[in-house]
Every structure is written in C-alpha cells, then in structure tokens.
PDB file of N, CA and C in Angstrom:
ATOM      1  N   MET A   1      52.595-104.663  17.214  1.00  0.00           N
ATOM      2  CA  MET A   1      53.766-105.188  16.580  1.00  0.00           C
ATOM      3  C   MET A   1      54.309-106.350  17.202  1.00  0.00           C
ATOM      4  N   ASN A   2      54.962-107.439  16.108  1.00  0.00           N
ATOM      5  CA  ASN A   2      55.817-108.407  16.731  1.00  0.00           C
ATOM      6  C   ASN A   2      57.159-108.113  17.390  1.00  0.00           C
ATOM      7  N   ALA A   3      56.999-109.357  17.636  1.00  0.00           N
ATOM      8  CA  ALA A   3      58.370-108.802  18.803  1.00  0.00           C
ATOM      9  C   ALA A   3      59.496-109.882  18.487  1.00  0.00           C
ATOM     10  N   ILE A   4      60.816-109.679  17.869  1.00  0.00           N
ATOM     11  CA  ILE A   4      61.610-110.156  17.269  1.00  0.00           C
ATOM     12  C   ILE A   4      62.884-109.858  18.135  1.00  0.00           C
ATOM     13  N   THR A   5      63.999-110.910  18.623  1.00  0.00           N
ATOM     14  CA  THR A   5      64.629-110.450  19.113  1.00  0.00           C
ATOM     15  C   THR A   5      66.147-109.900  18.235  1.00  0.00           C
ATOM     16  N   ARG A   6      67.190-109.476  18.969  1.00  0.00           N
ATOM     17  CA  ARG A   6      68.106-108.402  18.308  1.00  0.00           C
ATOM     18  C   ARG A   6      69.195-110.128  17.278  1.00  0.00           C
ATOM     19  N   ASP A   7      69.354-111.101  18.076  1.00  0.00           N
ATOM     20  CA  ASP A   7      69.594-111.673  17.668  1.00  0.00           C
ATOM     21  C   ASP A   7      68.676-112.754  16.624  1.00  0.00           C
ATOM     22  N   ALA A   8      67.571-112.943  16.704  1.00  0.00           N
ATOM     23  CA  ALA A   8      66.341-113.629  15.761  1.00  0.00           C
ATOM     24  C   ALA A   8      66.423-112.426  13.956  1.00  0.00           C
ATOM     25  N   PHE A   9      66.488-111.419  14.562  1.00  0.00           N
ATOM     26  CA  PHE A   9      66.932-110.403  13.018  1.00  0.00           C
ATOM     27  C   PHE A   9      67.806-110.655  13.018  1.00  0.00           C
ATOM     28  N   ASP A  10      69.107-110.540  13.350  1.00  0.00           N
ATOM     29  CA  ASP A  10      70.709-110.772  12.725  1.00  0.00           C
ATOM     30  C   ASP A  10      70.049-111.778  11.582  1.00  0.00           C
ATOM     31  N   THR A  11      69.562-112.928  12.423  1.00  0.00           N
ATOM     32  CA  THR A  11      69.835-114.673  11.715  1.00  0.00           C
ATOM     33  C   THR A  11      68.950-114.342  10.568  1.00  0.00           C
ATOM     34  N   GLU A  12      67.470-113.554  10.591  1.00  0.00           N
ATOM     35  CA  GLU A  12      66.747-113.566   9.342  1.00  0.00           C
ATOM     36  C   GLU A  12      66.854-112.757   8.406  1.00  0.00           C
ATOM     37  N   PHE A  13      67.203-111.626   8.547  1.00  0.00           N
ATOM     38  CA  PHE A  13      68.017-110.637   7.875  1.00  0.00           C
ATOM     39  C   PHE A  13      69.336-110.817   7.244  1.00  0.00           C
ATOM     40  N   ARG A  14      70.252-111.671   7.366  1.00  0.00           N
ATOM     41  CA  ARG A  14      71.365-112.173   7.272  1.00  0.00           C
ATOM     42  C   ARG A  14      70.843-113.369   6.203  1.00  0.00           C
ATOM     43  N   SER A  15      69.434-114.563   6.237  1.00  0.00           N
ATOM     44  CA  SER A  15      69.236-114.745   5.546  1.00  0.00           C
ATOM     45  C   SER A  15      68.463-114.406   4.699  1.00  0.00           C
ATOM     46  N   PHE A  16      67.920-113.418   4.353  1.00  0.00           N
ATOM     47  CA  PHE A  16      67.355-113.076   3.616  1.00  0.00           C
ATOM     48  C   PHE A  16      68.359-111.688   2.526  1.00  0.00           C
ATOM     49  N   LEU A  17      69.288-111.205   3.188  1.00  0.00           N
ATOM     50  CA  LEU A  17      70.436-110.684   2.198  1.00  0.00           C
ATOM     51  C   LEU A  17      70.514-112.031   1.434  1.00  0.00           C
ATOM     52  N   SER A  18      71.172-113.300   1.981  1.00  0.00           N
ATOM     53  CA  SER A  18      71.916-114.568   1.016  1.00  0.00           C
ATOM     54  C   SER A  18      70.987-114.348   0.220  1.00  0.00           C
ATOM     55  N   THR A  19      70.062-113.630  -0.296  1.00  0.00           N
ATOM     56  CA  THR A  19      68.919-114.202  -1.734  1.00  0.00           C
ATOM     57  C   THR A  19      69.369-112.852  -2.951  1.00  0.00           C
ATOM     58  N   PHE A  20      70.271-111.994  -2.315  1.00  0.00           N
ATOM     59  CA  PHE A  20      70.715-111.164  -3.134  1.00  0.00           C
ATOM     60  C   PHE A  20      71.832-111.476  -3.557  1.00  0.00           C
ATOM     61  N   GLU A  21      72.300-110.701  -4.736  1.00  0.00           N
ATOM     62  CA  GLU A  21      73.479-111.507  -5.788  1.00  0.00           C
ATOM     63  C   GLU A  21      73.944-110.533  -5.166  1.00  0.00           C
ATOM     64  N   LEU A  22      75.221-110.649  -4.412  1.00  0.00           N
ATOM     65  CA  LEU A  22      76.502-109.805  -3.872  1.00  0.00           C
ATOM     66  C   LEU A  22      77.934-110.632  -4.115  1.00  0.00           C
ATOM     67  N   ASP A  23      78.474-109.390  -3.738  1.00  0.00           N
ATOM     68  CA  ASP A  23      79.713-109.775  -4.135  1.00  0.00           C
ATOM     69  C   ASP A  23      80.779-109.727  -2.960  1.00  0.00           C
ATOM     70  N   VAL A  24      79.666-109.818  -1.505  1.00  0.00           N
ATOM     71  CA  VAL A  24      80.352-109.747  -0.219  1.00  0.00           C
ATOM     72  C   VAL A  24      80.222-111.321   0.178  1.00  0.00           C
ATOM     73  N   ASP A  25      81.345-111.058   1.296  1.00  0.00           N
ATOM     74  CA  ASP A  25      81.251-111.940   2.104  1.00  0.00           C
ATOM     75  C   ASP A  25      80.145-111.856   3.316  1.00  0.00           C
ATOM     76  N   LEU A  26      79.216-112.157   3.358  1.00  0.00           N
ATOM     77  CA  LEU A  26      78.034-111.353   4.423  1.00  0.00           C
ATOM     78  C   LEU A  26      78.709-112.161   5.459  1.00  0.00           C
ATOM     79  N   ALA A  27      79.740-113.140   6.102  1.00  0.00           N
ATOM     80  CA  ALA A  27      79.649-113.287   7.201  1.00  0.00           C
ATOM     81  C   ALA A  27      80.922-112.464   7.601  1.00  0.00           C
ATOM     82  N   THR A  28      81.643-111.876   6.565  1.00  0.00           N
ATOM     83  CA  THR A  28      82.415-110.699   7.331  1.00  0.00           C
ATOM     84  C   THR A  28      81.860-109.193   7.249  1.00  0.00           C
ATOM     85  N   VAL A  29      80.261-109.139   7.357  1.00  0.00           N
ATOM     86  CA  VAL A  29      79.840-107.974   7.733  1.00  0.00           C
ATOM     87  C   VAL A  29      79.439-107.866   9.347  1.00  0.00           C
ATOM     88  N   THR A  30      79.621-106.805  10.116  1.00  0.00           N
ATOM     89  CA  THR A  30      78.946-106.594  11.615  1.00  0.00           C
ATOM     90  C   THR A  30      77.887-106.536  11.901  1.00  0.00           C
ATOM     91  N   ALA A  31      76.960-106.313  12.264  1.00  0.00           N
ATOM     92  CA  ALA A  31      76.038-105.530  12.591  1.00  0.00           C
ATOM     93  C   ALA A  31      75.758-104.358  12.668  1.00  0.00           C
ATOM     94  N   GLU A  32      77.203-103.693  12.721  1.00  0.00           N
ATOM     95  CA  GLU A  32      77.560-101.819  13.103  1.00  0.00           C
ATOM     96  C   GLU A  32      78.207-101.246  11.650  1.00  0.00           C
ATOM     97  N   ASP A  33      78.394-102.214  10.678  1.00  0.00           N
ATOM     98  CA  ASP A  33      78.636-101.803   8.958  1.00  0.00           C
ATOM     99  C   ASP A  33      78.186-101.332   8.646  1.00  0.00           C
ATOM    100  N   ASN A  34      78.679-100.095   7.625  1.00  0.00           N
ATOM    101  CA  ASN A  34      77.403 -99.649   6.834  1.00  0.00           C
ATOM    102  C   ASN A  34      77.414-100.748   5.545  1.00  0.00           C
ATOM    103  N   LEU A  35      75.939-100.563   5.404  1.00  0.00           N
ATOM    104  CA  LEU A  35      75.916-101.837   4.791  1.00  0.00           C
ATOM    105  C   LEU A  35      75.650-101.117   3.156  1.00  0.00           C
ATOM    106  N   PHE A  36      75.941 -99.895   2.763  1.00  0.00           N
ATOM    107  CA  PHE A  36      75.683 -99.160   1.549  1.00  0.00           C
ATOM    108  C   PHE A  36      77.491 -99.280   1.378  1.00  0.00           C
ATOM    109  N   ASP A  37      77.984 -98.734   1.606  1.00  0.00           N
ATOM    110  CA  ASP A  37      79.897 -98.499   2.155  1.00  0.00           C
ATOM    111  C   ASP A  37      80.539-100.287   2.225  1.00  0.00           C
ATOM    112  N   GLN A  38      79.943-101.291   2.795  1.00  0.00           N
ATOM    113  CA  GLN A  38      79.895-102.559   2.299  1.00  0.00           C
ATOM    114  C   GLN A  38      79.540-103.212   0.965  1.00  0.00           C
ATOM    115  N   GLY A  39      78.776-102.442  -0.053  1.00  0.00           N
ATOM    116  CA  GLY A  39      78.553-103.076  -1.169  1.00  0.00           C
ATOM    117  C   GLY A  39      77.341-104.474  -1.273  1.00  0.00           C
ATOM    118  N   VAL A  40      76.028-103.819   0.538  1.00  0.00           N
ATOM    119  CA  VAL A  40      75.687-104.638   0.737  1.00  0.00           C
ATOM    120  C   VAL A  40      74.148-104.359   0.333  1.00  0.00           C
ATOM    121  N   LEU A  41      73.604-103.393   0.110  1.00  0.00           N
ATOM    122  CA  LEU A  41      72.647-102.459   0.198  1.00  0.00           C
ATOM    123  C   LEU A  41      72.507-101.434  -1.056  1.00  0.00           C
ATOM    124  N   ASP A  42      72.073-100.936  -1.451  1.00  0.00           N
ATOM    125  CA  ASP A  42      71.764 -99.989  -2.293  1.00  0.00           C
ATOM    126  C   ASP A  42      70.851 -99.282  -2.210  1.00  0.00           C
ATOM    127  N   SER A  43      70.520 -98.409  -3.235  1.00  0.00           N
ATOM    128  CA  SER A  43      68.909 -97.524  -3.291  1.00  0.00           C
ATOM    129  C   SER A  43      67.695 -98.575  -3.374  1.00  0.00           C
ATOM    130  N   PHE A  44      68.145 -99.581  -4.432  1.00  0.00           N
ATOM    131  CA  PHE A  44      66.804-100.351  -5.190  1.00  0.00           C
ATOM    132  C   PHE A  44      66.785-101.398  -3.850  1.00  0.00           C
ATOM    133  N   SER A  45      67.677-102.142  -3.554  1.00  0.00           N
ATOM    134  CA  SER A  45      67.322-103.557  -2.142  1.00  0.00           C
ATOM    135  C   SER A  45      67.001-102.597  -1.320  1.00  0.00           C
ATOM    136  N   VAL A  46      66.830-101.486  -0.827  1.00  0.00           N
ATOM    137  CA  VAL A  46      66.028-101.383   0.511  1.00  0.00           C
ATOM    138  C   VAL A  46      64.891-100.906   0.751  1.00  0.00           C
ATOM    139  N   LEU A  47      64.156-101.175  -1.191  1.00  0.00           N
ATOM    140  CA  LEU A  47      62.733-101.341  -1.135  1.00  0.00           C
ATOM    141  C   LEU A  47      62.078-102.785  -0.746  1.00  0.00           C
ATOM    142  N   ARG A  48      63.729-104.000  -0.855  1.00  0.00           N
ATOM    143  CA  ARG A  48      63.292-105.334  -0.374  1.00  0.00           C
ATOM    144  C   ARG A  48      63.221-105.289   1.003  1.00  0.00           C
ATOM    145  N   VAL A  49      64.339-104.329   1.719  1.00  0.00           N
ATOM    146  CA  VAL A  49      64.568-104.212   2.898  1.00  0.00           C
ATOM    147  C   VAL A  49      63.617-104.221   3.480  1.00  0.00           C
ATOM    148  N   ILE A  50      62.445-102.945   3.288  1.00  0.00           N
ATOM    149  CA  ILE A  50      60.994-102.430   3.713  1.00  0.00           C
ATOM    150  C   ILE A  50      60.017-103.619   3.998  1.00  0.00           C
ATOM    151  N   ALA A  51      60.152-104.354   2.481  1.00  0.00           N
ATOM    152  CA  ALA A  51      59.125-105.803   2.616  1.00  0.00           C
ATOM    153  C   ALA A  51      59.410-106.091   3.942  1.00  0.00           C
ATOM    154  N   LEU A  52      60.770-107.175   3.985  1.00  0.00           N
ATOM    155  CA  LEU A  52      61.342-108.004   4.900  1.00  0.00           C
ATOM    156  C   LEU A  52      60.989-107.168   6.471  1.00  0.00           C
ATOM    157  N   VAL A  53      60.912-105.741   6.898  1.00  0.00           N
ATOM    158  CA  VAL A  53      60.810-105.234   7.612  1.00  0.00           C
ATOM    159  C   VAL A  53      59.297-105.107   7.964  1.00  0.00           C
ATOM    160  N   GLU A  54      58.893-104.917   7.354  1.00  0.00           N
ATOM    161  CA  GLU A  54      57.158-105.038   7.195  1.00  0.00           C
ATOM    162  C   GLU A  54      56.740-106.312   8.225  1.00  0.00           C
ATOM    163  N   ARG A  55      57.180-107.328   7.284  1.00  0.00           N
ATOM    164  CA  ARG A  55      56.671-108.560   7.797  1.00  0.00           C
ATOM    165  C   ARG A  55      57.129-108.689   9.115  1.00  0.00           C
ATOM    166  N   LEU A  56      58.611-108.460   9.063  1.00  0.00           N
ATOM    167  CA  LEU A  56      58.444-109.167  10.321  1.00  0.00           C
ATOM    168  C   LEU A  56      58.106-108.369  12.114  1.00  0.00           C
ATOM    169  N   ARG A  57      57.292-106.437  11.752  1.00  0.00           N
ATOM    170  CA  ARG A  57      57.114-105.839  12.535  1.00  0.00           C
ATOM    171  C   ARG A  57      55.402-106.280  12.620  1.00  0.00           C
ATOM    172  N   GLY A  58      54.553-106.761  11.330  1.00  0.00           N
ATOM    173  CA  GLY A  58      53.798-107.004  10.790  1.00  0.00           C
ATOM    174  C   GLY A  58      52.774-105.783  11.176  1.00  0.00           C
ATOM    175  N   GLU A  59      53.060-104.823  10.482  1.00  0.00           N
ATOM    176  CA  GLU A  59      53.129-103.671  10.295  1.00  0.00           C
ATOM    177  C   GLU A  59      53.226-102.719   9.470  1.00  0.00           C
ATOM    178  N   PRO A  60      53.274-101.843   8.679  1.00  0.00           N
ATOM    179  CA  PRO A  60      53.917-100.825   7.739  1.00  0.00           C
ATOM    180  C   PRO A  60      54.236 -99.696   8.346  1.00  0.00           C
ATOM    181  N   VAL A  61      55.826 -99.673   7.428  1.00  0.00           N
ATOM    182  CA  VAL A  61      56.920 -99.055   8.491  1.00  0.00           C
ATOM    183  C   VAL A  61      56.606 -97.424   7.426  1.00  0.00           C
ATOM    184  N   ASP A  62      56.708 -96.694   8.427  1.00  0.00           N
ATOM    185  CA  ASP A  62      55.968 -95.139   8.059  1.00  0.00           C
ATOM    186  C   ASP A  62      57.265 -94.290   7.207  1.00  0.00           C
ATOM    187  N   LEU A  63      57.182 -94.474   5.979  1.00  0.00           N
ATOM    188  CA  LEU A  63      58.084 -93.810   5.641  1.00  0.00           C
ATOM    189  C   LEU A  63      58.545 -92.307   5.787  1.00  0.00           C
ATOM    190  N   GLU A  64      57.601 -91.930   5.790  1.00  0.00           N
ATOM    191  CA  GLU A  64      57.906 -90.452   5.883  1.00  0.00           C
ATOM    192  C   GLU A  64      58.742 -89.919   7.398  1.00  0.00           C
ATOM    193  N   HIS A  65      58.975 -90.634   8.217  1.00  0.00           N
ATOM    194  CA  HIS A  65      59.963 -90.742   9.380  1.00  0.00           C
ATOM    195  C   HIS A  65      61.324 -91.304   8.892  1.00  0.00           C
ATOM    196  N   ALA A  66      61.008 -92.215   7.826  1.00  0.00           N
ATOM    197  CA  ALA A  66      62.291 -93.147   7.113  1.00  0.00           C
ATOM    198  C   ALA A  66      63.146 -92.542   6.890  1.00  0.00           C
ATOM    199  N   GLY A  67      64.449 -92.457   6.945  1.00  0.00           N
ATOM    200  CA  GLY A  67      65.170 -91.537   5.654  1.00  0.00           C
ATOM    201  C   GLY A  67      65.983 -93.097   5.372  1.00  0.00           C
ATOM    202  N   ILE A  68      67.178 -92.537   4.837  1.00  0.00           N
ATOM    203  CA  ILE A  68      68.185 -93.586   4.047  1.00  0.00           C
ATOM    204  C   ILE A  68      69.137 -94.302   5.115  1.00  0.00           C
ATOM    205  N   GLU A  69      69.457 -93.075   6.056  1.00  0.00           N
ATOM    206  CA  GLU A  69      70.026 -93.150   7.583  1.00  0.00           C
ATOM    207  C   GLU A  69      69.367 -94.570   8.371  1.00  0.00           C
ATOM    208  N   SER A  70      68.285 -94.734   8.028  1.00  0.00           N
ATOM    209  CA  SER A  70      67.742 -95.530   8.296  1.00  0.00           C
ATOM    210  C   SER A  70      67.972 -97.163   9.057  1.00  0.00           C
ATOM    211  N   PHE A  71      68.486 -97.632   7.573  1.00  0.00           N
ATOM    212  CA  PHE A  71      68.729 -98.649   7.275  1.00  0.00           C
ATOM    213  C   PHE A  71      70.539 -98.464   6.625  1.00  0.00           C
ATOM    214  N   ALA A  72      71.424 -97.781   7.404  1.00  0.00           N
ATOM    215  CA  ALA A  72      72.821 -97.857   7.826  1.00  0.00           C
ATOM    216  C   ALA A  72      73.514 -99.105   7.873  1.00  0.00           C
ATOM    217  N   SER A  73      72.846 -99.563   8.792  1.00  0.00           N
ATOM    218  CA  SER A  73      73.023-101.013   9.263  1.00  0.00           C
ATOM    219  C   SER A  73      71.976-101.888   9.839  1.00  0.00           C
ATOM    220  N   ILE A  74      72.956-103.118   9.984  1.00  0.00           N
ATOM    221  CA  ILE A  74      71.783-104.454  10.852  1.00  0.00           C
ATOM    222  C   ILE A  74      71.441-103.585  12.063  1.00  0.00           C
ATOM    223  N   SER A  75      72.320-102.899  12.929  1.00  0.00           N
ATOM    224  CA  SER A  75      71.783-102.842  13.915  1.00  0.00           C
ATOM    225  C   SER A  75      70.561-101.745  14.240  1.00  0.00           C
ATOM    226  N   THR A  76      71.107-100.978  13.086  1.00  0.00           N
ATOM    227  CA  THR A  76      70.186 -99.213  12.913  1.00  0.00           C
ATOM    228  C   THR A  76      68.772 -99.963  12.485  1.00  0.00           C
ATOM    229  N   ILE A  77      68.478-100.687  11.463  1.00  0.00           N
ATOM    230  CA  ILE A  77      67.333-101.353  11.061  1.00  0.00           C
ATOM    231  C   ILE A  77      66.571-101.936  12.357  1.00  0.00           C
ATOM    232  N   TYR A  78      67.198-102.441  12.845  1.00  0.00           N
ATOM    233  CA  TYR A  78      66.568-103.124  14.089  1.00  0.00           C
ATOM    234  C   TYR A  78      66.041-102.736  14.922  1.00  0.00           C
ATOM    235  N   GLU A  79      67.272-100.928  15.268  1.00  0.00           N
ATOM    236  CA  GLU A  79      66.818-100.282  16.374  1.00  0.00           C
ATOM    237  C   GLU A  79      65.873 -98.979  15.827  1.00  0.00           C
ATOM    238  N   SER A  80      65.608 -99.301  14.743  1.00  0.00           N
ATOM    239  CA  SER A  80      64.788 -97.848  13.703  1.00  0.00           C
ATOM    240  C   SER A  80      63.352 -98.473  14.061  1.00  0.00           C
ATOM    241  N   PHE A  81      63.136 -99.768  13.336  1.00  0.00           N
ATOM    242  CA  PHE A  81      62.203-100.446  12.763  1.00  0.00           C
ATOM    243  C   PHE A  81      61.425-101.285  13.563  1.00  0.00           C
ATOM    244  N   ILE A  82      62.135-102.563  14.262  1.00  0.00           N
ATOM    245  CA  ILE A  82      62.205-103.364  15.303  1.00  0.00           C
ATOM    246  C   ILE A  82      61.459-103.335  16.620  1.00  0.00           C
ATOM    247  N   VAL A  83      62.585-102.467  17.152  1.00  0.00           N
ATOM    248  CA  VAL A  83      62.007-102.239  18.520  1.00  0.00           C
ATOM    249  C   VAL A  83      61.558-100.537  19.100  1.00  0.00           C
ATOM    250  N   SER A  84      61.560 -99.500  17.595  1.00  0.00           N
ATOM    251  CA  SER A  84      60.596 -98.561  17.639  1.00  0.00           C
ATOM    252  C   SER A  84      59.397 -98.697  18.634  1.00  0.00           C
TER     253      SER A  84
END
C-alpha cells in the first residue's frame, strides 16, 4: 500500500472533488463535514471516489467491508482506506 499523509490526501482529494460539477464551495467544507449532507458526494460519485482511493492506495478497496458510512467525510475516507 502506498503511504500518503493526511495533508497530502486532503489536497489530492479536494483537487479531485474540484473536477465534479458542484454547487458547493469546497473551501467551506472541513475534513470532518459529512460530504453527503454538504452536497459534495452522492451514491454515484462514490464510485469515482473508490477509483481515486484505489489509485492512491495502490491496491483495490475491499468493498465487502466498505459501507457508505466509510465515505462520510474526508477524514473518514482517509482513516478507512488510506491508513487502514
């Protein structure tokens, strides 16, 4: 698994999110905010997030053990998939 710091992940993830057509100012979204409640992610965009996480990890995500709550916030994604 590739190692990436929390700050580097946050930067990479925000850059990735900036490619989405969002009605949300990403600068106002904290690492702890619920990305679904903030309108940043929906169930379809999670598929794109999984692809990003797999690229950053350098290995596939075990989807049998990944629930939608694993994608709730930037911090949760980092803790669930990058440092797990």
